[in-house]
């Protein structure tokens, strides 16, 4: 199989759900959400991905990106800010990585 087909298959195997909340949620346009989504999904994930955008200001969003599989959940949280119409990761705020593992016993 050609590498392009494999990559296309892997990218199509995931689904992304975006949740938009916060007092400034209505101030974000579809283009804003698209730019922030691209920031959060900078690497392809396999499985279900959830991106929660909490609009805490007109130009500031807390992003919680999580990739879930059957046995674990990994993700990161960071702040994004808009400068001159472009959304960027806020370099002054920490990026936190999280991981959870589910163990099922019978």
PDB file of N, CA and C in Angstrom:
ATOM      1  N   UNK A   1       0.845  -1.177   0.000  1.00  0.00           N
ATOM      2  CA  UNK A   1       0.000   0.000   0.000  1.00  0.00           C
ATOM      3  C   UNK A   1       0.890   1.240   0.000  1.00  0.00           C
ATOM      4  N   UNK A   2       0.519   2.227  -0.760  1.00  0.00           N
ATOM      5  CA  UNK A   2       1.325   3.441  -0.832  1.00  0.00           C
ATOM      6  C   UNK A   2       1.205   4.246   0.461  1.00  0.00           C
ATOM      7  N   UNK A   3       2.284   4.958   0.850  1.00  0.00           N
ATOM      8  CA  UNK A   3       2.259   5.728   2.102  1.00  0.00           C
ATOM      9  C   UNK A   3       1.120   6.744   2.180  1.00  0.00           C
ATOM     10  N   UNK A   4       0.763   7.366   1.047  1.00  0.00           N
ATOM     11  CA  UNK A   4      -0.313   8.348   1.062  1.00  0.00           C
ATOM     12  C   UNK A   4      -1.646   7.691   1.407  1.00  0.00           C
ATOM     13  N   UNK A   5      -1.871   6.482   0.888  1.00  0.00           N
ATOM     14  CA  UNK A   5      -3.112   5.789   1.191  1.00  0.00           C
ATOM     15  C   UNK A   5      -3.170   5.369   2.654  1.00  0.00           C
ATOM     16  N   UNK A   6      -2.049   4.935   3.198  1.00  0.00           N
ATOM     17  CA  UNK A   6      -2.004   4.546   4.606  1.00  0.00           C
ATOM     18  C   UNK A   6      -2.305   5.754   5.485  1.00  0.00           C
ATOM     19  N   UNK A   7      -1.690   6.887   5.192  1.00  0.00           N
ATOM     20  CA  UNK A   7      -1.920   8.090   5.972  1.00  0.00           C
ATOM     21  C   UNK A   7      -3.376   8.533   5.862  1.00  0.00           C
ATOM     22  N   UNK A   8      -3.938   8.499   4.679  1.00  0.00           N
ATOM     23  CA  UNK A   8      -5.339   8.882   4.499  1.00  0.00           C
ATOM     24  C   UNK A   8      -6.251   7.948   5.288  1.00  0.00           C
ATOM     25  N   UNK A   9      -5.964   6.666   5.304  1.00  0.00           N
ATOM     26  CA  UNK A   9      -6.757   5.712   6.060  1.00  0.00           C
ATOM     27  C   UNK A   9      -6.662   5.988   7.552  1.00  0.00           C
ATOM     28  N   UNK A  10      -5.453   6.241   8.040  1.00  0.00           N
ATOM     29  CA  UNK A  10      -5.279   6.497   9.467  1.00  0.00           C
ATOM     30  C   UNK A  10      -5.981   7.777   9.898  1.00  0.00           C
ATOM     31  N   UNK A  11      -5.907   8.804   9.077  1.00  0.00           N
ATOM     32  CA  UNK A  11      -6.574  10.054   9.422  1.00  0.00           C
ATOM     33  C   UNK A  11      -8.081   9.925   9.367  1.00  0.00           C
ATOM     34  N   UNK A  12      -8.587   9.091   8.488  1.00  0.00           N
ATOM     35  CA  UNK A  12     -10.033   8.912   8.407  1.00  0.00           C
ATOM     36  C   UNK A  12     -10.556   7.994   9.499  1.00  0.00           C
ATOM     37  N   UNK A  13      -9.672   7.271  10.185  1.00  0.00           N
ATOM     38  CA  UNK A  13     -10.090   6.349  11.228  1.00  0.00           C
ATOM     39  C   UNK A  13     -10.416   7.068  12.532  1.00  0.00           C
ATOM     40  N   UNK A  14     -10.108   8.338  12.621  1.00  0.00           N
ATOM     41  CA  UNK A  14     -10.383   9.051  13.853  1.00  0.00           C
ATOM     42  C   UNK A  14     -11.569   9.986  13.640  1.00  0.00           C
ATOM     43  N   UNK A  15     -12.243  10.282  14.721  1.00  0.00           N
ATOM     44  CA  UNK A  15     -13.321  11.253  14.666  1.00  0.00           C
ATOM     45  C   UNK A  15     -13.051  12.311  15.723  1.00  0.00           C
ATOM     46  N   UNK A  16     -13.422  13.524  15.442  1.00  0.00           N
ATOM     47  CA  UNK A  16     -13.169  14.626  16.353  1.00  0.00           C
ATOM     48  C   UNK A  16     -14.486  15.267  16.748  1.00  0.00           C
ATOM     49  N   UNK A  17     -14.644  15.451  18.051  1.00  0.00           N
ATOM     50  CA  UNK A  17     -15.804  16.143  18.599  1.00  0.00           C
ATOM     51  C   UNK A  17     -15.297  17.433  19.238  1.00  0.00           C
ATOM     52  N   UNK A  18     -15.893  18.560  18.878  1.00  0.00           N
ATOM     53  CA  UNK A  18     -15.484  19.842  19.439  1.00  0.00           C
ATOM     54  C   UNK A  18     -16.615  20.367  20.312  1.00  0.00           C
ATOM     55  N   UNK A  19     -16.251  20.737  21.545  1.00  0.00           N
ATOM     56  CA  UNK A  19     -17.199  21.315  22.482  1.00  0.00           C
ATOM     57  C   UNK A  19     -16.769  22.762  22.727  1.00  0.00           C
ATOM     58  N   UNK A  20     -17.666  23.698  22.525  1.00  0.00           N
ATOM     59  CA  UNK A  20     -17.369  25.118  22.678  1.00  0.00           C
ATOM     60  C   UNK A  20     -18.199  25.664  23.826  1.00  0.00           C
ATOM     61  N   UNK A  21     -17.534  26.125  24.885  1.00  0.00           N
ATOM     62  CA  UNK A  21     -18.210  26.634  26.078  1.00  0.00           C
ATOM     63  C   UNK A  21     -17.552  27.942  26.505  1.00  0.00           C
ATOM     64  N   UNK A  22     -18.108  28.567  27.527  1.00  0.00           N
ATOM     65  CA  UNK A  22     -17.511  29.761  28.097  1.00  0.00           C
ATOM     66  C   UNK A  22     -18.305  31.008  27.798  1.00  0.00           C
ATOM     67  N   UNK A  23     -18.044  32.062  28.569  1.00  0.00           N
ATOM     68  CA  UNK A  23     -18.821  33.295  28.415  1.00  0.00           C
ATOM     69  C   UNK A  23     -18.620  34.002  27.076  1.00  0.00           C
ATOM     70  N   UNK A  24     -17.550  33.715  26.363  1.00  0.00           N
ATOM     71  CA  UNK A  24     -17.278  34.358  25.078  1.00  0.00           C
ATOM     72  C   UNK A  24     -17.402  33.376  23.906  1.00  0.00           C
ATOM     73  N   UNK A  25     -18.079  32.269  24.127  1.00  0.00           N
ATOM     74  CA  UNK A  25     -18.200  31.239  23.086  1.00  0.00           C
ATOM     75  C   UNK A  25     -18.848  31.783  21.816  1.00  0.00           C
ATOM     76  N   UNK A  26     -19.824  32.659  21.963  1.00  0.00           N
ATOM     77  CA  UNK A  26     -20.512  33.186  20.773  1.00  0.00           C
ATOM     78  C   UNK A  26     -19.649  34.177  20.002  1.00  0.00           C
ATOM     79  N   UNK A  27     -18.570  34.653  20.602  1.00  0.00           N
ATOM     80  CA  UNK A  27     -17.677  35.595  19.916  1.00  0.00           C
ATOM     81  C   UNK A  27     -16.731  34.898  18.940  1.00  0.00           C
ATOM     82  N   UNK A  28     -16.644  33.563  19.007  1.00  0.00           N
ATOM     83  CA  UNK A  28     -15.741  32.829  18.118  1.00  0.00           C
ATOM     84  C   UNK A  28     -16.449  32.463  16.819  1.00  0.00           C
ATOM     85  N   UNK A  29     -15.791  32.726  15.711  1.00  0.00           N
ATOM     86  CA  UNK A  29     -16.341  32.365  14.407  1.00  0.00           C
ATOM     87  C   UNK A  29     -15.938  30.933  14.055  1.00  0.00           C
ATOM     88  N   UNK A  30     -16.502  30.435  12.978  1.00  0.00           N
ATOM     89  CA  UNK A  30     -16.133  29.092  12.499  1.00  0.00           C
ATOM     90  C   UNK A  30     -14.652  29.060  12.115  1.00  0.00           C
ATOM     91  N   UNK A  31     -14.140  30.148  11.547  1.00  0.00           N
ATOM     92  CA  UNK A  31     -12.718  30.222  11.193  1.00  0.00           C
ATOM     93  C   UNK A  31     -11.848  30.195  12.445  1.00  0.00           C
ATOM     94  N   UNK A  32     -12.280  30.906  13.505  1.00  0.00           N
ATOM     95  CA  UNK A  32     -11.544  30.866  14.778  1.00  0.00           C
ATOM     96  C   UNK A  32     -11.457  29.439  15.308  1.00  0.00           C
ATOM     97  N   UNK A  33     -12.589  28.759  15.332  1.00  0.00           N
ATOM     98  CA  UNK A  33     -12.628  27.379  15.830  1.00  0.00           C
ATOM     99  C   UNK A  33     -11.742  26.487  14.970  1.00  0.00           C
ATOM    100  N   UNK A  34     -11.757  26.674  13.662  1.00  0.00           N
ATOM    101  CA  UNK A  34     -10.909  25.887  12.770  1.00  0.00           C
ATOM    102  C   UNK A  34      -9.421  26.100  13.043  1.00  0.00           C
ATOM    103  N   UNK A  35      -9.022  27.359  13.257  1.00  0.00           N
ATOM    104  CA  UNK A  35      -7.618  27.638  13.560  1.00  0.00           C
ATOM    105  C   UNK A  35      -7.205  27.002  14.883  1.00  0.00           C
ATOM    106  N   UNK A  36      -8.055  27.111  15.900  1.00  0.00           N
ATOM    107  CA  UNK A  36      -7.732  26.534  17.211  1.00  0.00           C
ATOM    108  C   UNK A  36      -7.705  25.009  17.129  1.00  0.00           C
ATOM    109  N   UNK A  37      -8.613  24.442  16.352  1.00  0.00           N
ATOM    110  CA  UNK A  37      -8.625  22.989  16.166  1.00  0.00           C
ATOM    111  C   UNK A  37      -7.310  22.524  15.539  1.00  0.00           C
ATOM    112  N   UNK A  38      -6.803  23.260  14.567  1.00  0.00           N
ATOM    113  CA  UNK A  38      -5.528  22.898  13.949  1.00  0.00           C
ATOM    114  C   UNK A  38      -4.375  23.011  14.946  1.00  0.00           C
ATOM    115  N   UNK A  39      -4.438  23.975  15.855  1.00  0.00           N
ATOM    116  CA  UNK A  39      -3.424  24.063  16.910  1.00  0.00           C
ATOM    117  C   UNK A  39      -3.465  22.826  17.807  1.00  0.00           C
ATOM    118  N   UNK A  40      -4.673  22.426  18.187  1.00  0.00           N
ATOM    119  CA  UNK A  40      -4.836  21.301  19.113  1.00  0.00           C
ATOM    120  C   UNK A  40      -4.513  19.968  18.454  1.00  0.00           C
ATOM    121  N   UNK A  41      -4.813  19.840  17.189  1.00  0.00           N
ATOM    122  CA  UNK A  41      -4.620  18.570  16.492  1.00  0.00           C
ATOM    123  C   UNK A  41      -3.381  18.634  15.618  1.00  0.00           C
ATOM    124  N   UNK A  42      -2.267  19.074  16.185  1.00  0.00           N
ATOM    125  CA  UNK A  42      -1.051  19.203  15.390  1.00  0.00           C
ATOM    126  C   UNK A  42      -0.440  17.855  15.038  1.00  0.00           C
ATOM    127  N   UNK A  43      -0.838  16.804  15.747  1.00  0.00           N
ATOM    128  CA  UNK A  43      -0.400  15.454  15.398  1.00  0.00           C
ATOM    129  C   UNK A  43      -1.626  14.586  15.186  1.00  0.00           C
ATOM    130  N   UNK A  44      -1.604  13.681  14.214  1.00  0.00           N
ATOM    131  CA  UNK A  44      -2.776  12.835  13.975  1.00  0.00           C
ATOM    132  C   UNK A  44      -2.984  11.834  15.105  1.00  0.00           C
ATOM    133  N   UNK A  45      -4.237  11.573  15.433  1.00  0.00           N
ATOM    134  CA  UNK A  45      -4.590  10.628  16.483  1.00  0.00           C
ATOM    135  C   UNK A  45      -5.400   9.485  15.891  1.00  0.00           C
ATOM    136  N   UNK A  46      -5.262   8.341  16.495  1.00  0.00           N
ATOM    137  CA  UNK A  46      -6.098   7.205  16.142  1.00  0.00           C
ATOM    138  C   UNK A  46      -7.096   7.055  17.273  1.00  0.00           C
ATOM    139  N   UNK A  47      -8.348   6.960  16.955  1.00  0.00           N
ATOM    140  CA  UNK A  47      -9.370   6.853  17.981  1.00  0.00           C
ATOM    141  C   UNK A  47     -10.234   8.095  17.982  1.00  0.00           C
ATOM    142  N   UNK A  48     -10.984   8.272  19.039  1.00  0.00           N
ATOM    143  CA  UNK A  48     -11.896   9.407  19.165  1.00  0.00           C
ATOM    144  C   UNK A  48     -11.164  10.554  19.851  1.00  0.00           C
ATOM    145  N   UNK A  49     -11.208  11.715  19.246  1.00  0.00           N
ATOM    146  CA  UNK A  49     -10.563  12.898  19.816  1.00  0.00           C
ATOM    147  C   UNK A  49     -11.633  13.899  20.220  1.00  0.00           C
ATOM    148  N   UNK A  50     -11.496  14.432  21.426  1.00  0.00           N
ATOM    149  CA  UNK A  50     -12.394  15.463  21.916  1.00  0.00           C
ATOM    150  C   UNK A  50     -11.582  16.719  22.174  1.00  0.00           C
ATOM    151  N   UNK A  51     -12.043  17.823  21.659  1.00  0.00           N
ATOM    152  CA  UNK A  51     -11.394  19.106  21.890  1.00  0.00           C
ATOM    153  C   UNK A  51     -12.424  20.012  22.549  1.00  0.00           C
ATOM    154  N   UNK A  52     -12.133  20.415  23.786  1.00  0.00           N
ATOM    155  CA  UNK A  52     -13.013  21.334  24.505  1.00  0.00           C
ATOM    156  C   UNK A  52     -12.374  22.716  24.481  1.00  0.00           C
ATOM    157  N   UNK A  53     -13.107  23.680  23.948  1.00  0.00           N
ATOM    158  CA  UNK A  53     -12.645  25.053  23.865  1.00  0.00           C
ATOM    159  C   UNK A  53     -13.450  25.879  24.859  1.00  0.00           C
ATOM    160  N   UNK A  54     -12.782  26.424  25.860  1.00  0.00           N
ATOM    161  CA  UNK A  54     -13.448  27.284  26.830  1.00  0.00           C
ATOM    162  C   UNK A  54     -13.023  28.721  26.543  1.00  0.00           C
ATOM    163  N   UNK A  55     -13.941  29.477  25.949  1.00  0.00           N
ATOM    164  CA  UNK A  55     -13.653  30.858  25.570  1.00  0.00           C
ATOM    165  C   UNK A  55     -13.730  31.734  26.824  1.00  0.00           C
ATOM    166  N   UNK A  56     -12.573  32.108  27.350  1.00  0.00           N
ATOM    167  CA  UNK A  56     -12.531  32.897  28.581  1.00  0.00           C
ATOM    168  C   UNK A  56     -12.355  34.386  28.293  1.00  0.00           C
ATOM    169  N   UNK A  57     -12.175  34.726  27.041  1.00  0.00           N
ATOM    170  CA  UNK A  57     -12.077  36.112  26.586  1.00  0.00           C
ATOM    171  C   UNK A  57     -12.307  36.147  25.093  1.00  0.00           C
ATOM    172  N   UNK A  58     -12.463  37.343  24.545  1.00  0.00           N
ATOM    173  CA  UNK A  58     -12.673  37.436  23.084  1.00  0.00           C
ATOM    174  C   UNK A  58     -11.472  36.909  22.308  1.00  0.00           C
ATOM    175  N   UNK A  59     -10.289  37.039  22.880  1.00  0.00           N
ATOM    176  CA  UNK A  59      -9.065  36.626  22.200  1.00  0.00           C
ATOM    177  C   UNK A  59      -8.265  35.614  23.009  1.00  0.00           C
ATOM    178  N   UNK A  60      -8.916  34.882  23.916  1.00  0.00           N
ATOM    179  CA  UNK A  60      -8.209  33.914  24.764  1.00  0.00           C
ATOM    180  C   UNK A  60      -9.106  32.697  25.004  1.00  0.00           C
ATOM    181  N   UNK A  61      -8.543  31.521  24.760  1.00  0.00           N
ATOM    182  CA  UNK A  61      -9.292  30.267  24.879  1.00  0.00           C
ATOM    183  C   UNK A  61      -8.439  29.243  25.615  1.00  0.00           C
ATOM    184  N   UNK A  62      -9.063  28.518  26.552  1.00  0.00           N
ATOM    185  CA  UNK A  62      -8.397  27.379  27.191  1.00  0.00           C
ATOM    186  C   UNK A  62      -8.780  26.151  26.378  1.00  0.00           C
ATOM    187  N   UNK A  63      -7.784  25.406  25.914  1.00  0.00           N
ATOM    188  CA  UNK A  63      -8.000  24.262  25.036  1.00  0.00           C
ATOM    189  C   UNK A  63      -7.657  22.984  25.793  1.00  0.00           C
ATOM    190  N   UNK A  64      -8.590  22.032  25.805  1.00  0.00           N
ATOM    191  CA  UNK A  64      -8.360  20.715  26.407  1.00  0.00           C
ATOM    192  C   UNK A  64      -8.559  19.692  25.297  1.00  0.00           C
ATOM    193  N   UNK A  65      -7.465  19.112  24.837  1.00  0.00           N
ATOM    194  CA  UNK A  65      -7.487  18.134  23.735  1.00  0.00           C
ATOM    195  C   UNK A  65      -7.252  16.758  24.325  1.00  0.00           C
ATOM    196  N   UNK A  66      -8.116  15.805  23.983  1.00  0.00           N
ATOM    197  CA  UNK A  66      -8.020  14.465  24.546  1.00  0.00           C
ATOM    198  C   UNK A  66      -8.293  13.428  23.476  1.00  0.00           C
ATOM    199  N   UNK A  67      -7.428  12.416  23.397  1.00  0.00           N
ATOM    200  CA  UNK A  67      -7.607  11.301  22.470  1.00  0.00           C
ATOM    201  C   UNK A  67      -7.932  10.066  23.297  1.00  0.00           C
ATOM    202  N   UNK A  68      -9.057   9.467  23.015  1.00  0.00           N
ATOM    203  CA  UNK A  68      -9.529   8.329  23.808  1.00  0.00           C
ATOM    204  C   UNK A  68      -9.524   7.059  22.972  1.00  0.00           C
ATOM    205  N   UNK A  69      -9.040   5.996  23.578  1.00  0.00           N
ATOM    206  CA  UNK A  69      -9.137   4.675  22.964  1.00  0.00           C
ATOM    207  C   UNK A  69      -9.873   3.783  23.959  1.00  0.00           C
ATOM    208  N   UNK A  70      -9.937   2.505  23.685  1.00  0.00           N
ATOM    209  CA  UNK A  70     -10.646   1.602  24.580  1.00  0.00           C
ATOM    210  C   UNK A  70      -9.969   1.469  25.934  1.00  0.00           C
ATOM    211  N   UNK A  71      -8.639   1.610  25.983  1.00  0.00           N
ATOM    212  CA  UNK A  71      -7.935   1.339  27.231  1.00  0.00           C
ATOM    213  C   UNK A  71      -7.298   2.556  27.891  1.00  0.00           C
ATOM    214  N   UNK A  72      -7.159   3.655  27.173  1.00  0.00           N
ATOM    215  CA  UNK A  72      -6.519   4.803  27.810  1.00  0.00           C
ATOM    216  C   UNK A  72      -6.969   6.115  27.177  1.00  0.00           C
ATOM    217  N   UNK A  73      -6.550   7.183  27.811  1.00  0.00           N
ATOM    218  CA  UNK A  73      -6.886   8.524  27.363  1.00  0.00           C
ATOM    219  C   UNK A  73      -5.657   9.401  27.561  1.00  0.00           C
ATOM    220  N   UNK A  74      -5.231  10.075  26.510  1.00  0.00           N
ATOM    221  CA  UNK A  74      -4.098  10.981  26.608  1.00  0.00           C
ATOM    222  C   UNK A  74      -4.505  12.328  26.034  1.00  0.00           C
ATOM    223  N   UNK A  75      -3.816  13.356  26.454  1.00  0.00           N
ATOM    224  CA  UNK A  75      -4.155  14.661  25.929  1.00  0.00           C
ATOM    225  C   UNK A  75      -3.291  15.748  26.500  1.00  0.00           C
ATOM    226  N   UNK A  76      -3.685  16.972  26.204  1.00  0.00           N
ATOM    227  CA  UNK A  76      -2.957  18.127  26.716  1.00  0.00           C
ATOM    228  C   UNK A  76      -3.927  19.281  26.879  1.00  0.00           C
ATOM    229  N   UNK A  77      -3.542  20.205  27.722  1.00  0.00           N
ATOM    230  CA  UNK A  77      -4.305  21.433  27.876  1.00  0.00           C
ATOM    231  C   UNK A  77      -3.348  22.602  27.683  1.00  0.00           C
ATOM    232  N   UNK A  78      -3.845  23.644  27.058  1.00  0.00           N
ATOM    233  CA  UNK A  78      -3.039  24.840  26.850  1.00  0.00           C
ATOM    234  C   UNK A  78      -3.961  26.020  26.593  1.00  0.00           C
ATOM    235  N   UNK A  79      -3.384  27.202  26.594  1.00  0.00           N
ATOM    236  CA  UNK A  79      -4.126  28.417  26.281  1.00  0.00           C
ATOM    237  C   UNK A  79      -3.735  28.876  24.887  1.00  0.00           C
ATOM    238  N   UNK A  80      -4.736  29.360  24.160  1.00  0.00           N
ATOM    239  CA  UNK A  80      -4.498  29.942  22.842  1.00  0.00           C
ATOM    240  C   UNK A  80      -4.960  31.393  22.882  1.00  0.00           C
ATOM    241  N   UNK A  81      -4.279  32.231  22.132  1.00  0.00           N
ATOM    242  CA  UNK A  81      -4.663  33.629  22.078  1.00  0.00           C
ATOM    243  C   UNK A  81      -4.604  34.123  20.635  1.00  0.00           C
ATOM    244  N   UNK A  82      -5.454  35.091  20.342  1.00  0.00           N
ATOM    245  CA  UNK A  82      -5.522  35.638  18.990  1.00  0.00           C
ATOM    246  C   UNK A  82      -4.716  36.931  18.941  1.00  0.00           C
ATOM    247  N   UNK A  83      -3.809  37.000  17.982  1.00  0.00           N
ATOM    248  CA  UNK A  83      -3.016  38.200  17.739  1.00  0.00           C
ATOM    249  C   UNK A  83      -3.088  38.511  16.252  1.00  0.00           C
ATOM    250  N   UNK A  84      -3.562  39.707  15.924  1.00  0.00           N
ATOM    251  CA  UNK A  84      -3.678  40.151  14.527  1.00  0.00           C
ATOM    252  C   UNK A  84      -4.456  39.154  13.668  1.00  0.00           C
ATOM    253  N   UNK A  85      -5.526  38.596  14.234  1.00  0.00           N
ATOM    254  CA  UNK A  85      -6.397  37.705  13.481  1.00  0.00           C
ATOM    255  C   UNK A  85      -5.954  36.255  13.399  1.00  0.00           C
ATOM    256  N   UNK A  86      -4.805  35.918  14.008  1.00  0.00           N
ATOM    257  CA  UNK A  86      -4.290  34.549  13.948  1.00  0.00           C
ATOM    258  C   UNK A  86      -4.208  33.965  15.355  1.00  0.00           C
ATOM    259  N   UNK A  87      -4.704  32.756  15.517  1.00  0.00           N
ATOM    260  CA  UNK A  87      -4.658  32.070  16.808  1.00  0.00           C
ATOM    261  C   UNK A  87      -3.319  31.361  16.962  1.00  0.00           C
ATOM    262  N   UNK A  88      -2.721  31.521  18.144  1.00  0.00           N
ATOM    263  CA  UNK A  88      -1.428  30.915  18.459  1.00  0.00           C
ATOM    264  C   UNK A  88      -1.469  30.354  19.873  1.00  0.00           C
ATOM    265  N   UNK A  89      -0.590  29.408  20.130  1.00  0.00           N
ATOM    266  CA  UNK A  89      -0.429  28.901  21.484  1.00  0.00           C
ATOM    267  C   UNK A  89       0.196  29.999  22.331  1.00  0.00           C
ATOM    268  N   UNK A  90      -0.362  30.229  23.523  1.00  0.00           N
ATOM    269  CA  UNK A  90       0.179  31.236  24.427  1.00  0.00           C
ATOM    270  C   UNK A  90       1.471  30.696  25.032  1.00  0.00           C
ATOM    271  N   UNK A  91       2.588  31.250  24.625  1.00  0.00           N
ATOM    272  CA  UNK A  91       3.907  30.783  25.071  1.00  0.00           C
ATOM    273  C   UNK A  91       4.154  31.073  26.548  1.00  0.00           C
ATOM    274  N   UNK A  92       3.401  31.994  27.139  1.00  0.00           N
ATOM    275  CA  UNK A  92       3.585  32.345  28.546  1.00  0.00           C
ATOM    276  C   UNK A  92       2.787  31.458  29.500  1.00  0.00           C
ATOM    277  N   UNK A  93       1.931  30.614  28.967  1.00  0.00           N
ATOM    278  CA  UNK A  93       1.138  29.700  29.789  1.00  0.00           C
ATOM    279  C   UNK A  93       1.663  28.284  29.606  1.00  0.00           C
ATOM    280  N   UNK A  94       1.642  27.498  30.675  1.00  0.00           N
ATOM    281  CA  UNK A  94       2.175  26.134  30.554  1.00  0.00           C
ATOM    282  C   UNK A  94       1.266  25.224  29.736  1.00  0.00           C
ATOM    283  N   UNK A  95       1.887  24.274  29.063  1.00  0.00           N
ATOM    284  CA  UNK A  95       1.157  23.204  28.383  1.00  0.00           C
ATOM    285  C   UNK A  95       1.273  21.979  29.272  1.00  0.00           C
ATOM    286  N   UNK A  96       0.134  21.411  29.627  1.00  0.00           N
ATOM    287  CA  UNK A  96       0.131  20.262  30.513  1.00  0.00           C
ATOM    288  C   UNK A  96      -0.308  19.020  29.761  1.00  0.00           C
ATOM    289  N   UNK A  97       0.449  17.951  29.899  1.00  0.00           N
ATOM    290  CA  UNK A  97       0.085  16.668  29.284  1.00  0.00           C
ATOM    291  C   UNK A  97      -0.551  15.783  30.352  1.00  0.00           C
ATOM    292  N   UNK A  98      -1.558  15.027  29.955  1.00  0.00           N
ATOM    293  CA  UNK A  98      -2.237  14.128  30.877  1.00  0.00           C
ATOM    294  C   UNK A  98      -2.416  12.767  30.226  1.00  0.00           C
ATOM    295  N   UNK A  99      -2.447  11.752  31.054  1.00  0.00           N
ATOM    296  CA  UNK A  99      -2.686  10.393  30.565  1.00  0.00           C
ATOM    297  C   UNK A  99      -3.483   9.643  31.614  1.00  0.00           C
ATOM    298  N   UNK A 100      -4.429   8.862  31.166  1.00  0.00           N
ATOM    299  CA  UNK A 100      -5.223   8.020  32.043  1.00  0.00           C
ATOM    300  C   UNK A 100      -5.286   6.635  31.434  1.00  0.00           C
ATOM    301  N   UNK A 101      -5.233   5.628  32.265  1.00  0.00           N
ATOM    302  CA  UNK A 101      -5.330   4.260  31.783  1.00  0.00           C
ATOM    303  C   UNK A 101      -6.468   3.565  32.513  1.00  0.00           C
ATOM    304  N   UNK A 102      -7.278   2.857  31.781  1.00  0.00           N
ATOM    305  CA  UNK A 102      -8.380   2.097  32.358  1.00  0.00           C
ATOM    306  C   UNK A 102      -8.014   0.625  32.367  1.00  0.00           C
ATOM    307  N   UNK A 103      -8.110   0.005  33.536  1.00  0.00           N
ATOM    308  CA  UNK A 103      -7.841  -1.414  33.659  1.00  0.00           C
ATOM    309  C   UNK A 103      -9.141  -2.095  34.043  1.00  0.00           C
ATOM    310  N   UNK A 104      -9.539  -3.041  33.232  1.00  0.00           N
ATOM    311  CA  UNK A 104     -10.782  -3.773  33.483  1.00  0.00           C
ATOM    312  C   UNK A 104     -10.431  -5.140  34.040  1.00  0.00           C
ATOM    313  N   UNK A 105     -10.987  -5.472  35.194  1.00  0.00           N
ATOM    314  CA  UNK A 105     -10.765  -6.779  35.795  1.00  0.00           C
ATOM    315  C   UNK A 105     -12.072  -7.525  35.865  1.00  0.00           C
ATOM    316  N   UNK A 106     -11.992  -8.816  35.775  1.00  0.00           N
ATOM    317  CA  UNK A 106     -13.192  -9.648  35.818  1.00  0.00           C
ATOM    318  C   UNK A 106     -13.123 -10.599  36.995  1.00  0.00           C
TER     319      UNK A 106
END
